Each structure stands twice: as structure tokens, then as C-alpha cells.
Amino acid sequence: MAYDVLIEASEPGARIEADGTDLGNTPVHLKIFGDPDGTFHDFGSYWYVIRALPLTTNQFPQVRAFGTGRGFMREDRVPQHVYFDMNQRTQIYPPAGPPGYGYPDNGPPVYYYGSPYYGPDFRFYFGPGGRRWR
């Protein structure tokens, strides 16, 4: 099913991109294909991303990401209207910390010693008891 979505911005004329495709300046109508229950259809990506690019230096780029339900992830409903406030500062997330080799589940420390493979090995098995000789 096709859904018509109106995209507006606080500053008319902001550039709009949807999944990397330039749509033009706001206000703009976007046709989004979705499932009959009103959710985004999975066309091969995990997210459907709509971006608004600023007009002046005092404004900030804005992004809205909607889940498509791919890989049993979240599946969002197709909105009827998307509004971007170009004067709102975008959220800044702290960088991820280093990988943890510490104490998983409050247990003893875990260390990685590498692979136990040390080179070519020849093994011979003799008899029904399976005695092994190297």
C-alpha cells in the first residue's frame, strides 16, 4: 500500500533526503510503500531514514529513522506528518567504551590466550579401544 506523508520544516526550503534520495525542498509530499497494517515494508534495509539539511549556519541537520521490521527488529508505523525543527540541536551520544574483558556476570576475570592450535599434527588410532598415538 502507498501512504502519503507530508514533510515540513521550521524553515521552509530545507533540503529533504529519504533513504539517500534527494526529494527537494520543504514542504514536500513523500509516497512511502508499506504493509496493509500501516507499518513500513521491509525492502532490504533495517531502517528508513529521512534527513533534513539546514539552510543557514545557525541551524542543525535533523534525522528521523524508522524501523522496517527486518530481522525481527522493531517495525514502526508510517507517519502521516513529519516535522523538523531546524533550530533544535541534534542529540550527541558518547562514544562506545573499549571491549570488555572484565568480569562477566560478576564472575572471575576472563582472559583470551589465543588459539590452542600449534601446527600440523598427525594422529593414529589403533584397535577397538581407540588408543591414540602421536
C-alpha atoms as a PDB file:
ATOM      1  CA  MET A   1       0.000   0.000   0.000  1.00  0.00           C
ATOM      2  CA  ALA A   2       1.127   3.530  -0.667  1.00  0.00           C
ATOM      3  CA  TYR A   3       0.993   6.132   2.104  1.00  0.00           C
ATOM      4  CA  ASP A   4       1.252   9.897   1.552  1.00  0.00           C
ATOM      5  CA  VAL A   5       3.494  11.645   4.112  1.00  0.00           C
ATOM      6  CA  LEU A   6       3.750  15.422   4.387  1.00  0.00           C
ATOM      7  CA  ILE A   7       7.252  16.588   5.375  1.00  0.00           C
ATOM      8  CA  GLU A   8       7.674  20.107   6.735  1.00  0.00           C
ATOM      9  CA  ALA A   9      10.436  22.072   8.461  1.00  0.00           C
ATOM     10  CA  SER A  10      10.537  25.129  10.721  1.00  0.00           C
ATOM     11  CA  GLU A  11      12.389  26.930   7.931  1.00  0.00           C
ATOM     12  CA  PRO A  12      10.613  26.388   4.571  1.00  0.00           C
ATOM     13  CA  GLY A  13      13.042  25.450   1.840  1.00  0.00           C
ATOM     14  CA  ALA A  14      15.184  22.948   3.765  1.00  0.00           C
ATOM     15  CA  ARG A  15      16.527  20.095   1.604  1.00  0.00           C
ATOM     16  CA  ILE A  16      14.957  16.683   2.296  1.00  0.00           C
ATOM     17  CA  GLU A  17      16.539  13.276   1.636  1.00  0.00           C
ATOM     18  CA  ALA A  18      14.760   9.928   2.059  1.00  0.00           C
ATOM     19  CA  ASP A  19      16.970   6.796   2.058  1.00  0.00           C
ATOM     20  CA  GLY A  20      19.714   8.746   0.278  1.00  0.00           C
ATOM     21  CA  THR A  21      17.433  10.112  -2.467  1.00  0.00           C
ATOM     22  CA  ASP A  22      17.071  13.880  -2.761  1.00  0.00           C
ATOM     23  CA  LEU A  23      13.367  14.808  -2.679  1.00  0.00           C
ATOM     24  CA  GLY A  24      13.596  18.578  -2.902  1.00  0.00           C
ATOM     25  CA  ASN A  25      12.764  21.481  -0.630  1.00  0.00           C
ATOM     26  CA  THR A  26      10.118  21.559   2.108  1.00  0.00           C
ATOM     27  CA  PRO A  27       7.171  21.313   2.158  1.00  0.00           C
ATOM     28  CA  VAL A  28       7.177  18.075   0.203  1.00  0.00           C
ATOM     29  CA  HIS A  29       4.861  15.069  -0.115  1.00  0.00           C
ATOM     30  CA  LEU A  30       6.519  11.649   0.054  1.00  0.00           C
ATOM     31  CA  LYS A  31       4.935   8.401  -1.087  1.00  0.00           C
ATOM     32  CA  ILE A  32       6.016   5.525   1.188  1.00  0.00           C
ATOM     33  CA  PHE A  33       5.099   1.942   0.414  1.00  0.00           C
ATOM     34  CA  GLY A  34       4.134  -0.016   3.491  1.00  0.00           C
ATOM     35  CA  ASP A  35       2.251  -3.032   4.701  1.00  0.00           C
ATOM     36  CA  PRO A  36      -1.575  -3.058   4.914  1.00  0.00           C
ATOM     37  CA  ASP A  37      -1.406  -2.792   8.726  1.00  0.00           C
ATOM     38  CA  GLY A  38       0.186   0.686   8.420  1.00  0.00           C
ATOM     39  CA  THR A  39       3.817  -0.266   9.112  1.00  0.00           C
ATOM     40  CA  PHE A  40       6.918   0.154   6.961  1.00  0.00           C
ATOM     41  CA  HIS A  41       7.616  -2.587   4.425  1.00  0.00           C
ATOM     42  CA  ASP A  42      10.969  -4.361   4.502  1.00  0.00           C
ATOM     43  CA  PHE A  43      12.654  -3.640   1.156  1.00  0.00           C
ATOM     44  CA  GLY A  44      16.053  -4.924   2.293  1.00  0.00           C
ATOM     45  CA  SER A  45      17.197  -2.374   4.887  1.00  0.00           C
ATOM     46  CA  TYR A  46      16.790  -2.221   8.642  1.00  0.00           C
ATOM     47  CA  TRP A  47      15.929   1.490   8.736  1.00  0.00           C
ATOM     48  CA  TYR A  48      14.031   4.019   6.629  1.00  0.00           C
ATOM     49  CA  VAL A  49      15.864   7.322   7.153  1.00  0.00           C
ATOM     50  CA  ILE A  50      14.556  10.826   6.391  1.00  0.00           C
ATOM     51  CA  ARG A  51      17.068  13.702   6.665  1.00  0.00           C
ATOM     52  CA  ALA A  52      16.585  17.464   6.595  1.00  0.00           C
ATOM     53  CA  LEU A  53      19.611  19.575   5.672  1.00  0.00           C
ATOM     54  CA  PRO A  54      19.927  23.119   7.082  1.00  0.00           C
ATOM     55  CA  LEU A  55      19.762  26.355   5.095  1.00  0.00           C
ATOM     56  CA  THR A  56      21.966  28.558   7.279  1.00  0.00           C
ATOM     57  CA  THR A  57      24.964  28.058   9.545  1.00  0.00           C
ATOM     58  CA  ASN A  58      22.931  28.524  12.747  1.00  0.00           C
ATOM     59  CA  GLN A  59      20.738  25.514  12.012  1.00  0.00           C
ATOM     60  CA  PHE A  60      21.371  21.807  12.515  1.00  0.00           C
ATOM     61  CA  PRO A  61      20.746  18.769  10.297  1.00  0.00           C
ATOM     62  CA  GLN A  62      17.848  16.646  11.511  1.00  0.00           C
ATOM     63  CA  VAL A  63      17.303  12.889  11.091  1.00  0.00           C
ATOM     64  CA  ARG A  64      14.302  10.620  11.649  1.00  0.00           C
ATOM     65  CA  ALA A  65      14.862   6.853  11.428  1.00  0.00           C
ATOM     66  CA  PHE A  66      12.008   4.367  11.264  1.00  0.00           C
ATOM     67  CA  GLY A  67      12.396   0.615  11.783  1.00  0.00           C
ATOM     68  CA  THR A  68      11.263  -1.622   8.909  1.00  0.00           C
ATOM     69  CA  GLY A  69      10.979  -4.871  10.856  1.00  0.00           C
ATOM     70  CA  ARG A  70      13.842  -6.601   9.046  1.00  0.00           C
ATOM     71  CA  GLY A  71      15.497  -9.391  11.002  1.00  0.00           C
ATOM     72  CA  PHE A  72      12.851  -9.347  13.749  1.00  0.00           C
ATOM     73  CA  MET A  73      13.809  -5.791  14.728  1.00  0.00           C
ATOM     74  CA  ARG A  74      11.251  -3.126  15.531  1.00  0.00           C
ATOM     75  CA  GLU A  75       8.632  -2.208  12.939  1.00  0.00           C
ATOM     76  CA  ASP A  76       7.357   1.368  13.099  1.00  0.00           C
ATOM     77  CA  ARG A  77       4.123   2.766  11.757  1.00  0.00           C
ATOM     78  CA  VAL A  78       4.212   5.065   8.724  1.00  0.00           C
ATOM     79  CA  PRO A  79       3.616   8.627   9.992  1.00  0.00           C
ATOM     80  CA  GLN A  80       1.109  10.965   8.359  1.00  0.00           C
ATOM     81  CA  HIS A  81       3.211  14.059   9.016  1.00  0.00           C
ATOM     82  CA  VAL A  82       6.921  14.633   9.757  1.00  0.00           C
ATOM     83  CA  TYR A  83       8.059  17.989  11.136  1.00  0.00           C
ATOM     84  CA  PHE A  84      11.701  19.027  11.505  1.00  0.00           C
ATOM     85  CA  ASP A  85      12.711  21.844  13.877  1.00  0.00           C
ATOM     86  CA  MET A  86      15.884  23.074  12.209  1.00  0.00           C
ATOM     87  CA  ASN A  87      16.923  25.195  15.243  1.00  0.00           C
ATOM     88  CA  GLN A  88      16.976  22.208  17.601  1.00  0.00           C
ATOM     89  CA  ARG A  89      20.436  20.897  18.444  1.00  0.00           C
ATOM     90  CA  THR A  90      20.896  17.268  17.445  1.00  0.00           C
ATOM     91  CA  GLN A  91      21.425  14.636  20.142  1.00  0.00           C
ATOM     92  CA  ILE A  92      25.092  13.821  20.822  1.00  0.00           C
ATOM     93  CA  TYR A  93      25.823  10.318  22.039  1.00  0.00           C
ATOM     94  CA  PRO A  94      29.051   9.436  23.881  1.00  0.00           C
ATOM     95  CA  PRO A  95      31.389   7.036  22.098  1.00  0.00           C
ATOM     96  CA  ALA A  96      31.233   3.373  22.985  1.00  0.00           C
ATOM     97  CA  GLY A  97      33.733   2.183  25.567  1.00  0.00           C
ATOM     98  CA  PRO A  98      36.510  -0.343  24.979  1.00  0.00           C
ATOM     99  CA  PRO A  99      35.610  -4.008  24.591  1.00  0.00           C
ATOM    100  CA  GLY A 100      35.132  -5.657  27.923  1.00  0.00           C
ATOM    101  CA  TYR A 101      37.403  -8.449  29.065  1.00  0.00           C
ATOM    102  CA  GLY A 102      36.426  -7.921  32.669  1.00  0.00           C
ATOM    103  CA  TYR A 103      34.060  -9.788  34.899  1.00  0.00           C
ATOM    104  CA  PRO A 104      31.067 -11.188  33.019  1.00  0.00           C
ATOM    105  CA  ASP A 105      28.103 -11.803  35.313  1.00  0.00           C
ATOM    106  CA  ASN A 106      30.211 -10.893  38.376  1.00  0.00           C
ATOM    107  CA  GLY A 107      32.366 -13.998  37.944  1.00  0.00           C
ATOM    108  CA  PRO A 108      36.123 -14.391  37.722  1.00  0.00           C
ATOM    109  CA  PRO A 109      38.051 -12.398  35.115  1.00  0.00           C
ATOM    110  CA  VAL A 110      38.099 -13.798  31.601  1.00  0.00           C
ATOM    111  CA  TYR A 111      41.312 -13.831  29.575  1.00  0.00           C
ATOM    112  CA  TYR A 112      41.845 -14.818  25.970  1.00  0.00           C
ATOM    113  CA  TYR A 113      45.030 -16.807  25.355  1.00  0.00           C
ATOM    114  CA  GLY A 114      44.678 -17.344  21.632  1.00  0.00           C
ATOM    115  CA  SER A 115      44.041 -20.455  19.613  1.00  0.00           C
ATOM    116  CA  PRO A 116      45.159 -23.841  21.044  1.00  0.00           C
ATOM    117  CA  TYR A 117      46.321 -24.925  17.567  1.00  0.00           C
ATOM    118  CA  TYR A 118      50.152 -25.069  17.354  1.00  0.00           C
ATOM    119  CA  GLY A 119      50.837 -26.519  13.908  1.00  0.00           C
ATOM    120  CA  PRO A 120      50.380 -29.684  11.886  1.00  0.00           C
ATOM    121  CA  ASP A 121      49.529 -32.788  13.851  1.00  0.00           C
ATOM    122  CA  PHE A 122      49.326 -36.461  12.895  1.00  0.00           C
ATOM    123  CA  ARG A 123      47.152 -38.798  14.899  1.00  0.00           C
ATOM    124  CA  PHE A 124      46.859 -42.559  14.583  1.00  0.00           C
ATOM    125  CA  TYR A 125      44.128 -44.604  16.193  1.00  0.00           C
ATOM    126  CA  PHE A 126      44.743 -48.336  16.825  1.00  0.00           C
ATOM    127  CA  GLY A 127      42.339 -51.009  17.901  1.00  0.00           C
ATOM    128  CA  PRO A 128      38.769 -51.005  19.155  1.00  0.00           C
ATOM    129  CA  GLY A 129      39.669 -49.160  22.369  1.00  0.00           C
ATOM    130  CA  GLY A 130      40.670 -46.094  20.362  1.00  0.00           C
ATOM    131  CA  ARG A 131      44.178 -45.652  21.767  1.00  0.00           C
ATOM    132  CA  ARG A 132      45.746 -42.595  20.312  1.00  0.00           C
ATOM    133  CA  TRP A 133      49.395 -42.238  19.299  1.00  0.00           C
ATOM    134  CA  ARG A 134      51.123 -39.170  18.031  1.00  0.00           C
END
